[in-house]
Protein backbone atom coordinates (compact mmCIF):
# COMPACT_ATOMS: atom_id res chain seq x y z
CA MET A 1 0.16 -0.12 -0.17
CA PRO A 2 1.37 3.56 -0.62
CA GLY A 3 3.00 5.40 2.15
CA PRO A 4 2.50 8.78 3.18
CA ASP A 5 4.72 10.28 0.59
CA THR A 6 2.22 9.09 -2.13
CA PRO A 7 -1.10 10.36 -1.07
CA TYR A 8 -4.32 9.71 -3.15
CA THR A 9 -6.31 12.32 -4.52
CA LEU A 10 -9.73 11.80 -6.08
CA ILE A 11 -10.68 14.15 -8.63
CA SER A 12 -14.63 14.24 -8.54
CA HIS A 13 -17.94 15.53 -9.33
CA ALA A 14 -20.75 15.91 -6.93
CA LEU A 15 -23.05 13.90 -8.85
CA CYS A 16 -21.06 11.37 -10.54
CA PRO A 17 -22.32 7.82 -10.00
CA TYR A 18 -18.69 6.35 -10.87
CA VAL A 19 -16.91 8.68 -8.59
CA GLN A 20 -19.28 7.30 -5.96
CA ARG A 21 -17.90 3.79 -6.66
CA ALA A 22 -14.29 5.07 -6.00
CA VAL A 23 -15.15 6.73 -2.81
CA ILE A 24 -17.15 3.44 -1.52
CA THR A 25 -14.09 1.63 -2.28
CA LEU A 26 -11.73 3.82 -0.70
CA ALA A 27 -13.64 4.31 2.25
CA GLU A 28 -14.45 0.36 2.80
CA LYS A 29 -10.80 -0.12 2.41
CA ARG A 30 -9.95 2.58 5.02
CA VAL A 31 -7.65 4.38 2.55
CA PRO A 32 -7.21 7.96 3.51
CA PHE A 33 -7.75 10.47 0.58
CA ARG A 34 -8.38 13.84 -0.54
CA ARG A 35 -11.29 14.59 -3.02
CA ILE A 36 -11.55 17.49 -5.22
CA ASP A 37 -14.75 18.31 -7.02
CA ILE A 38 -14.22 20.15 -10.20
CA ASP A 39 -17.05 21.59 -12.70
CA LEU A 40 -17.21 19.41 -15.61
CA ALA A 41 -19.00 22.33 -17.70
CA ASP A 42 -15.83 24.38 -17.09
CA LYS A 43 -12.87 21.81 -16.99
CA PRO A 44 -9.76 23.12 -15.51
CA ASP A 45 -6.61 22.97 -17.91
CA TRP A 46 -4.85 20.82 -15.40
CA PHE A 47 -7.67 18.27 -15.36
CA ARG A 48 -7.53 17.95 -18.95
CA ALA A 49 -3.93 17.16 -18.77
CA ILE A 50 -4.42 14.21 -16.81
CA SER A 51 -7.73 12.97 -18.00
CA PRO A 52 -7.58 11.85 -21.68
CA LEU A 53 -11.36 11.28 -21.56
CA GLY A 54 -12.27 14.22 -20.05
CA ARG A 55 -14.06 12.42 -17.25
CA VAL A 56 -14.26 11.73 -13.71
CA PRO A 57 -13.17 10.02 -11.51
CA VAL A 58 -9.31 10.43 -11.75
CA LEU A 59 -7.16 9.22 -8.91
CA ARG A 60 -4.01 10.79 -8.55
CA ILE A 61 -1.29 8.89 -6.75
CA GLY A 62 1.41 11.38 -5.48
CA ASP A 63 2.47 14.11 -7.72
CA ASP A 64 3.39 12.14 -11.01
CA THR A 65 0.67 9.61 -11.61
CA ALA A 66 -2.92 9.65 -12.63
CA LEU A 67 -5.57 6.65 -13.24
CA PHE A 68 -8.59 7.47 -15.18
CA GLU A 69 -11.74 5.36 -15.40
CA SER A 70 -13.56 3.95 -12.24
CA ALA A 71 -13.21 0.68 -13.36
CA VAL A 72 -9.46 0.78 -13.39
CA ILE A 73 -9.07 2.78 -10.17
CA VAL A 74 -11.24 0.13 -8.00
CA GLU A 75 -9.32 -2.82 -9.54
CA TYR A 76 -5.94 -0.91 -8.74
CA LEU A 77 -6.99 -0.32 -5.17
CA GLU A 78 -8.07 -3.85 -5.11
CA GLU A 79 -4.62 -5.01 -6.02
CA VAL A 80 -2.52 -2.53 -3.88
CA THR A 81 -4.35 -2.39 -0.62
CA ASP A 82 -5.66 -4.39 2.54
CA ARG A 83 -9.32 -5.53 2.76
CA PRO A 84 -9.98 -7.42 -0.43
CA MET A 85 -13.51 -6.60 -1.94
CA HIS A 86 -13.61 -9.28 -4.58
CA PRO A 87 -14.19 -13.00 -3.94
CA ALA A 88 -11.08 -15.18 -3.64
CA ALA A 89 -12.61 -17.87 -6.26
CA PRO A 90 -11.90 -16.64 -9.98
CA LEU A 91 -15.13 -17.99 -11.17
CA GLU A 92 -17.12 -16.14 -8.72
CA ARG A 93 -14.69 -13.02 -9.11
CA ALA A 94 -15.54 -13.11 -12.85
CA ARG A 95 -19.35 -13.33 -11.98
CA HIS A 96 -19.00 -10.22 -9.84
CA ARG A 97 -17.28 -8.49 -12.54
CA ALA A 98 -19.94 -9.18 -14.86
CA TRP A 99 -22.51 -7.90 -12.60
CA ILE A 100 -20.57 -4.62 -12.17
CA GLU A 101 -21.09 -4.30 -15.97
CA MET A 102 -24.37 -4.81 -15.55
CA ALA A 103 -24.59 -1.99 -13.07
CA SER A 104 -22.87 0.22 -15.52
CA ALA A 105 -25.62 -0.66 -18.28
CA THR A 106 -28.17 0.26 -15.77
CA LEU A 107 -26.76 3.54 -15.12
CA ASP A 108 -26.90 4.06 -18.98
CA ALA A 109 -30.56 3.17 -18.84
CA ILE A 110 -31.02 5.61 -15.92
CA ALA A 111 -29.44 8.31 -18.20
CA GLY A 112 -31.94 7.44 -21.01
CA PHE A 113 -34.85 7.63 -18.42
CA TYR A 114 -34.33 10.94 -17.11
CA ALA A 115 -33.25 12.27 -20.64
CA ALA A 116 -36.23 11.24 -22.54
CA PRO A 117 -37.66 14.02 -24.60
CA ASP A 118 -41.19 13.03 -24.85
CA ALA A 119 -44.08 10.64 -23.01
CA GLU A 120 -43.57 7.98 -25.55
CA ALA A 121 -39.78 7.79 -25.33
CA PHE A 122 -40.22 8.13 -21.50
CA GLU A 123 -42.20 4.85 -21.23
CA THR A 124 -39.87 3.06 -23.62
CA LYS A 125 -36.97 3.84 -21.30
CA ARG A 126 -38.93 3.37 -18.34
CA ARG A 127 -39.53 -0.17 -19.39
CA ALA A 128 -35.84 -0.61 -20.10
CA LEU A 129 -34.77 0.33 -16.82
CA ALA A 130 -37.32 -1.68 -14.98
CA ASP A 131 -36.00 -4.65 -17.00
CA ARG A 132 -32.72 -4.09 -16.14
CA LEU A 133 -33.83 -4.15 -12.24
CA ALA A 134 -35.88 -7.07 -12.90
CA ARG A 135 -32.66 -9.01 -14.03
CA LEU A 136 -31.01 -7.93 -10.83
CA GLU A 137 -33.92 -9.53 -9.11
CA ALA A 138 -33.35 -12.70 -10.91
CA GLY A 139 -29.48 -12.67 -10.06
CA LEU A 140 -29.77 -11.84 -6.58
CA GLU A 141 -29.23 -14.81 -4.44
CA ALA A 142 -28.02 -13.92 -1.29
CA GLN A 143 -28.73 -11.07 1.31
CA PRO A 144 -28.14 -8.50 2.74
CA TYR A 145 -25.62 -7.76 -0.17
CA PHE A 146 -24.98 -9.18 -3.48
CA SER A 147 -23.23 -12.37 -2.26
CA GLY A 148 -24.20 -12.35 1.47
CA GLU A 149 -22.74 -10.94 4.39
CA ALA A 150 -19.50 -9.42 2.92
CA PHE A 151 -19.43 -6.19 1.08
CA ARG A 152 -17.86 -6.25 -2.29
CA LEU A 153 -16.75 -4.22 -5.21
CA VAL A 154 -19.95 -5.13 -7.00
CA ASP A 155 -22.04 -3.68 -4.19
CA ALA A 156 -20.33 -0.43 -4.50
CA ALA A 157 -21.21 -0.50 -8.19
CA TRP A 158 -24.83 -0.82 -7.38
CA ALA A 159 -25.28 1.53 -4.67
CA PRO A 160 -25.05 4.83 -6.82
CA VAL A 161 -27.91 3.25 -8.82
CA PHE A 162 -30.46 3.05 -6.11
CA ARG A 163 -29.59 6.85 -5.22
CA TYR A 164 -31.12 7.92 -8.32
CA LEU A 165 -34.26 5.99 -7.53
CA ASP A 166 -34.44 7.97 -4.25
CA THR A 167 -34.94 11.21 -6.23
CA PHE A 168 -37.16 9.89 -9.00
CA GLU A 169 -39.56 8.46 -6.06
CA THR A 170 -40.11 12.12 -5.05
CA ILE A 171 -41.37 12.98 -8.51
CA GLY A 172 -43.81 10.09 -9.26
CA GLU A 173 -44.47 6.61 -9.08
CA PHE A 174 -42.89 4.61 -12.08
CA GLY A 175 -43.23 1.13 -11.14
CA LEU A 176 -39.42 0.33 -11.59
CA LEU A 177 -39.12 -2.05 -8.55
CA ASP A 178 -42.62 -3.79 -9.11
CA HIS A 179 -42.28 -7.49 -8.19
CA CYS A 180 -38.61 -6.97 -7.08
CA PRO A 181 -38.66 -7.48 -3.33
CA ARG A 182 -34.91 -8.91 -3.41
CA VAL A 183 -33.72 -5.77 -4.99
CA ALA A 184 -35.91 -3.59 -2.70
CA ALA A 185 -34.08 -5.07 0.41
CA TYR A 186 -30.73 -5.05 -1.22
CA ARG A 187 -31.49 -1.22 -2.02
CA SER A 188 -32.33 -0.66 1.95
CA ALA A 189 -28.99 -2.83 2.96
CA LEU A 190 -26.90 -0.63 0.93
CA ALA A 191 -28.37 2.66 1.88
CA ALA A 192 -27.70 1.94 5.17
CA ARG A 193 -23.90 1.36 4.78
CA PRO A 194 -22.01 4.19 6.24
CA SER A 195 -19.29 4.18 2.99
CA VAL A 196 -22.63 4.53 0.71
CA ARG A 197 -24.39 6.93 2.86
CA ASP A 198 -21.28 9.31 3.16
CA ALA A 199 -20.03 8.83 -0.65
CA VAL A 200 -21.84 12.10 -1.55
CA ALA A 201 -22.69 15.37 0.31
CA PRO A 202 -25.59 16.21 2.22
CA ASP A 203 -26.89 18.58 -0.47
CA TYR A 204 -26.52 15.77 -3.08
CA PRO A 205 -30.61 15.20 -3.42
CA GLN A 206 -31.06 18.88 -3.97
CA ARG A 207 -28.28 19.16 -6.50
CA LEU A 208 -29.52 15.99 -8.55
CA ALA A 209 -33.26 17.25 -8.59
CA GLY A 210 -31.85 20.66 -9.90
CA PHE A 211 -29.84 18.69 -12.54
CA LEU A 212 -32.95 16.76 -13.64
CA ARG A 213 -35.05 19.96 -13.57
CA ARG A 214 -32.30 21.47 -15.98
CA ARG A 215 -32.73 18.63 -18.33
CA GLY A 216 -35.79 20.04 -20.07
CA SER A 217 -36.78 16.40 -20.67
CA HIS A 218 -40.23 14.64 -19.98
CA LEU A 219 -39.17 13.69 -16.41
CA SER A 220 -38.13 17.32 -15.84
CA SER A 221 -41.90 18.14 -16.84
CA LEU A 222 -43.28 16.06 -14.17
CA MET A 223 -41.32 17.91 -11.25
CA PRO A 224 -43.40 20.22 -9.32
CA GLU A 225 -42.73 24.04 -9.85
CA LEU A 226 -40.26 25.63 -7.39
CA GLN A 227 -42.15 27.92 -5.13
CA PRO A 228 -40.90 31.50 -4.66
CA VAL A 229 -39.07 32.50 -1.68
CA ALA A 230 -41.23 34.65 0.65
CA GLY A 231 -40.12 38.08 0.26
CA ALA A 232 -37.89 37.64 -3.01
CA ALA A 233 -38.30 40.30 -5.49
């Protein structure tokens, strides 16, 4: 594990679900790190220099090395730190990696859901997202986490998915977890985990709601109008 002369700095964005994966992993492994949030709409030049794809997270290791892409970052941390979060058996480890990819595909489905421009597209995307979650329901064979009592990297990947659902449910009832009792229980277990709870700032729900409102999508149109502040001009 890197010593005090090679501290970790995580370059972040307040709403990025892939950043949350890295933050949860660092917390679970009890690895000290510094977090720097940037504005992805106005990326600083120093960030462009270390992130070829222009995305977060980026993990800086000391002053000279930077890793980009969350999957690479968490796998690196798994290799060089204590407290393993992948299963030891190769086949089970591969299965977990496959379900991490499924979590990424579900995040893509979530983006389609909140960006759908009209009611027809919205319903198509809603069904696609509900299908992803139903597939997770079929794949869950243990509780409270994906493979039982141990919290794994696959759990760090799924936790940000459900954080979106928390906000969607303040807007309307979309039936995304209908007939998915195992997913509902899994969601609750992840939400109670300190590393998951603390992976975002306290104002994350308000920030996410503001982001969704500004999309100009069908989902945006379902959000209640903001009430004017008393006494405002």
